[in-house]
Amino acid sequence: MTNPANWQKSSFSGGGEGNDCLELAATPSLVHLRESDTPDTRLSTAPGALVHLLNHIKNGIHGEG
């Protein structure tokens, strides 16, 4: 897997250098997510799929089982 170089912490992480943060990095075709306390464990997805998931979460839409 390509190692994204520019990890950014969530604005909800409280700032500082703590390890309780969600971090995001983007490459041309993927968005990568990780927790700063376990940086070797990552979730990677296409940007459109992440937008779709976040819109569903934001709008409280629940899928059918």
Protein backbone atom coordinates (compact mmCIF):
# COMPACT_ATOMS: atom_id res chain seq x y z
CA MET A 1 0.00 0.00 0.00
CA THR A 2 1.19 3.51 -0.74
CA ASN A 3 2.07 5.40 2.43
CA PRO A 4 0.35 8.80 2.36
CA ALA A 5 2.75 11.53 3.44
CA ASN A 6 0.36 14.18 4.75
CA TRP A 7 -1.75 12.89 7.61
CA GLN A 8 -4.10 15.51 9.08
CA LYS A 9 -5.75 15.31 12.50
CA SER A 10 -9.45 15.83 12.95
CA SER A 11 -10.46 19.25 14.21
CA PHE A 12 -12.45 17.39 16.89
CA SER A 13 -9.30 15.78 18.34
CA GLY A 14 -8.70 18.59 20.81
CA GLY A 15 -5.41 19.66 19.23
CA GLY A 16 -2.01 19.03 20.67
CA GLU A 17 0.13 15.97 20.14
CA GLY A 18 -2.12 13.48 21.93
CA ASN A 19 -2.92 10.03 20.59
CA ASP A 20 -6.71 10.25 20.72
CA CYS A 21 -7.16 11.48 17.17
CA LEU A 22 -8.68 10.45 13.90
CA GLU A 23 -6.28 11.22 11.06
CA LEU A 24 -6.98 11.46 7.34
CA ALA A 25 -4.72 11.47 4.28
CA ALA A 26 -5.62 11.52 0.62
CA THR A 27 -3.90 10.17 -2.47
CA PRO A 28 -5.22 10.78 -6.00
CA SER A 29 -7.58 7.80 -5.87
CA LEU A 30 -8.07 6.96 -2.16
CA VAL A 31 -8.86 8.48 1.21
CA HIS A 32 -7.02 6.87 4.15
CA LEU A 33 -8.21 6.96 7.78
CA ARG A 34 -6.40 5.86 10.92
CA GLU A 35 -6.39 6.40 14.67
CA SER A 36 -3.22 8.04 15.93
CA ASP A 37 -2.81 5.49 18.72
CA THR A 38 -2.75 2.63 16.16
CA PRO A 39 -1.20 4.24 13.04
CA ASP A 40 -0.42 0.93 11.32
CA THR A 41 -4.12 0.05 11.15
CA ARG A 42 -5.75 1.95 8.30
CA LEU A 43 -8.99 2.08 6.41
CA SER A 44 -8.79 3.12 2.77
CA THR A 45 -11.72 3.88 0.48
CA ALA A 46 -12.67 5.80 -2.63
CA PRO A 47 -13.58 9.45 -1.92
CA GLY A 48 -17.13 9.05 -3.29
CA ALA A 49 -17.84 6.09 -1.02
CA LEU A 50 -16.67 8.04 2.03
CA VAL A 51 -18.83 11.03 1.08
CA HIS A 52 -21.82 8.70 0.68
CA LEU A 53 -21.22 7.13 4.12
CA LEU A 54 -20.74 10.51 5.84
CA ASN A 55 -23.92 11.90 4.24
CA HIS A 56 -25.89 8.91 5.51
CA ILE A 57 -24.45 9.35 9.01
CA LYS A 58 -25.04 13.10 8.98
CA ASN A 59 -28.65 12.72 7.82
CA GLY A 60 -29.44 9.79 10.13
CA ILE A 61 -30.34 7.48 7.26
CA HIS A 62 -30.30 3.81 8.20
CA GLY A 63 -30.02 1.08 5.58
CA GLU A 64 -32.38 -1.84 5.38
CA GLY A 65 -30.92 -5.03 6.91
